[in-house]
Structure formats: structure tokens, C-alpha cells
Amino acid sequence: MYAIIMTGGKQYRVEKGLNVVVEKLEAEAGKEVVLDQVLMISDGDKAMVGRPTVEGATVVAKVVRQKRLPKVLVFKKKAKNGYKKMQGHRQYVTELEIVDIKG
């Protein structure tokens, strides 16, 4: 059984027991979160597709940890003008362990 969920503007295919890294959620490590934007649930040969979400379906996940991704460098330069600019960015993310899919 798997589900397609949406969180942080992105879609993820999740199964029970799977660890998923998603955009930062406001929850502490060890707490459970309920993701209610379930777009699809598939159980073998049966599939429920939502319009846009499946009614009454939820995915329960446990927050494993909050972390930051490696630094991404952004470099801008304009030729013949002497313009250079370098910036770095580290994105905050949340690692989730999928506990249950209800639907």
C-alpha cells in the first residue's frame, strides 16, 4: 500500500516504514504529524484518486529530526562590468518516518 501526498508544494510517494525528507514542518523531533493532503492511495489493484484530495484519507508520520541540507552556492557575474556576487543558502528540511496510511 502506498500513497501520494503533497506537502510544501511538492508531491511525495510514501509507504509505511519509509523515511522521507520534506520541506520544514513546525514540529519537534519525536512528535507525530498528520498529513491530510493525500492525492492518491493505492492498495494492490485498487486505487483511490482524489479530486483534488481523497476525502477522509490521512498519512501519520513521526518526525525523526530537523536538519539543514548542504550549502548551495549562487554566483552571479556580468561580463565587462566588474560585477560579481556570491551567496550561499542552506535549506531547512524535516525528516519523517511514515507510521500509517489511513484511507
Protein backbone atom coordinates (compact mmCIF):
# COMPACT_ATOMS: atom_id res chain seq x y z
CA MET A 1 0.00 0.00 0.00
CA TYR A 2 1.32 3.44 -0.91
CA ALA A 3 0.04 7.00 -1.06
CA ILE A 4 0.87 10.18 -2.92
CA ILE A 5 0.91 13.16 -0.55
CA MET A 6 1.53 16.85 -1.01
CA THR A 7 3.43 18.98 1.49
CA GLY A 8 5.48 22.12 1.00
CA GLY A 9 4.24 22.44 -2.59
CA LYS A 10 5.83 19.12 -3.60
CA GLN A 11 4.42 15.64 -4.08
CA TYR A 12 5.89 12.50 -2.50
CA ARG A 13 5.19 8.78 -2.91
CA VAL A 14 5.18 7.26 0.58
CA GLU A 15 4.83 3.78 2.06
CA LYS A 16 4.62 2.56 5.65
CA GLY A 17 8.10 2.47 7.24
CA LEU A 18 9.68 4.77 4.62
CA ASN A 19 11.80 7.79 5.60
CA VAL A 20 11.08 10.94 3.59
CA VAL A 21 12.82 14.34 3.63
CA VAL A 22 10.28 17.16 3.14
CA GLU A 23 10.22 20.96 3.41
CA LYS A 24 10.43 22.19 7.01
CA LEU A 25 7.42 21.42 9.20
CA GLU A 26 6.85 23.10 12.58
CA ALA A 27 7.15 20.02 14.80
CA GLU A 28 9.73 18.74 17.26
CA ALA A 29 11.68 15.51 16.83
CA GLY A 30 9.74 12.52 18.18
CA LYS A 31 6.32 14.10 17.65
CA GLU A 32 3.73 12.75 15.22
CA VAL A 33 2.29 14.84 12.41
CA VAL A 34 -0.83 14.16 10.35
CA LEU A 35 -0.59 14.91 6.63
CA ASP A 36 -4.09 15.34 5.24
CA GLN A 37 -3.36 16.36 1.65
CA VAL A 38 -3.48 12.84 0.21
CA LEU A 39 -3.80 12.91 -3.57
CA MET A 40 -3.96 9.14 -4.17
CA ILE A 41 -3.99 5.85 -2.28
CA SER A 42 -3.15 2.55 -3.96
CA ASP A 43 -3.65 -0.87 -2.35
CA GLY A 44 -2.65 -3.59 -4.79
CA ASP A 45 -5.05 -3.40 -7.74
CA LYS A 46 -7.37 -0.82 -6.08
CA ALA A 47 -6.61 2.89 -6.37
CA MET A 48 -8.47 5.89 -4.96
CA VAL A 49 -7.70 9.14 -6.75
CA GLY A 50 -8.78 12.41 -5.18
CA ARG A 51 -10.28 15.46 -6.81
CA PRO A 52 -8.00 17.14 -5.68
CA THR A 53 -7.61 15.12 -2.44
CA VAL A 54 -9.01 11.82 -1.18
CA GLU A 55 -11.82 12.50 1.32
CA GLY A 56 -11.03 11.33 4.86
CA ALA A 57 -7.58 9.98 3.98
CA THR A 58 -4.58 10.83 6.15
CA VAL A 59 -0.95 9.82 6.49
CA VAL A 60 0.53 9.69 10.01
CA ALA A 61 4.27 10.34 10.22
CA LYS A 62 6.78 10.66 13.05
CA VAL A 63 9.36 13.45 12.93
CA VAL A 64 12.80 11.82 13.01
CA ARG A 65 14.80 15.07 13.02
CA GLN A 66 15.04 18.64 11.78
CA LYS A 67 18.14 19.33 9.70
CA ARG A 68 19.68 21.50 7.02
CA LEU A 69 20.82 20.46 3.57
CA PRO A 70 24.38 21.09 2.32
CA LYS A 71 25.17 24.63 1.22
CA VAL A 72 24.21 25.66 -2.31
CA LEU A 73 26.38 28.43 -3.77
CA VAL A 74 24.82 31.05 -6.03
CA PHE A 75 27.29 33.04 -8.14
CA LYS A 76 26.27 35.94 -10.37
CA LYS A 77 28.59 37.77 -12.77
CA LYS A 78 28.16 40.31 -15.54
CA ALA A 79 30.94 40.31 -18.10
CA LYS A 80 32.91 43.53 -18.73
CA ASN A 81 31.22 45.36 -15.83
CA GLY A 82 33.24 44.08 -12.91
CA TYR A 83 30.06 42.87 -11.19
CA LYS A 84 30.37 39.70 -9.10
CA LYS A 85 28.14 38.46 -6.30
CA MET A 86 28.36 35.21 -4.37
CA GLN A 87 25.73 33.95 -1.95
CA GLY A 88 25.20 30.72 -0.05
CA HIS A 89 21.99 29.08 1.11
CA ARG A 90 21.20 26.09 3.36
CA GLN A 91 17.62 24.85 3.21
CA TYR A 92 15.83 23.70 6.38
CA VAL A 93 14.15 20.29 5.99
CA THR A 94 12.31 17.76 8.14
CA GLU A 95 12.97 14.01 8.01
CA LEU A 96 9.77 11.97 8.50
CA GLU A 97 9.16 8.27 9.09
CA ILE A 98 5.79 7.13 7.75
CA VAL A 99 3.87 5.33 10.52
CA ASP A 100 0.46 4.66 8.97
CA ILE A 101 -1.69 5.33 5.90
CA LYS A 102 -5.40 5.68 6.67
CA GLY A 103 -7.95 5.92 3.96
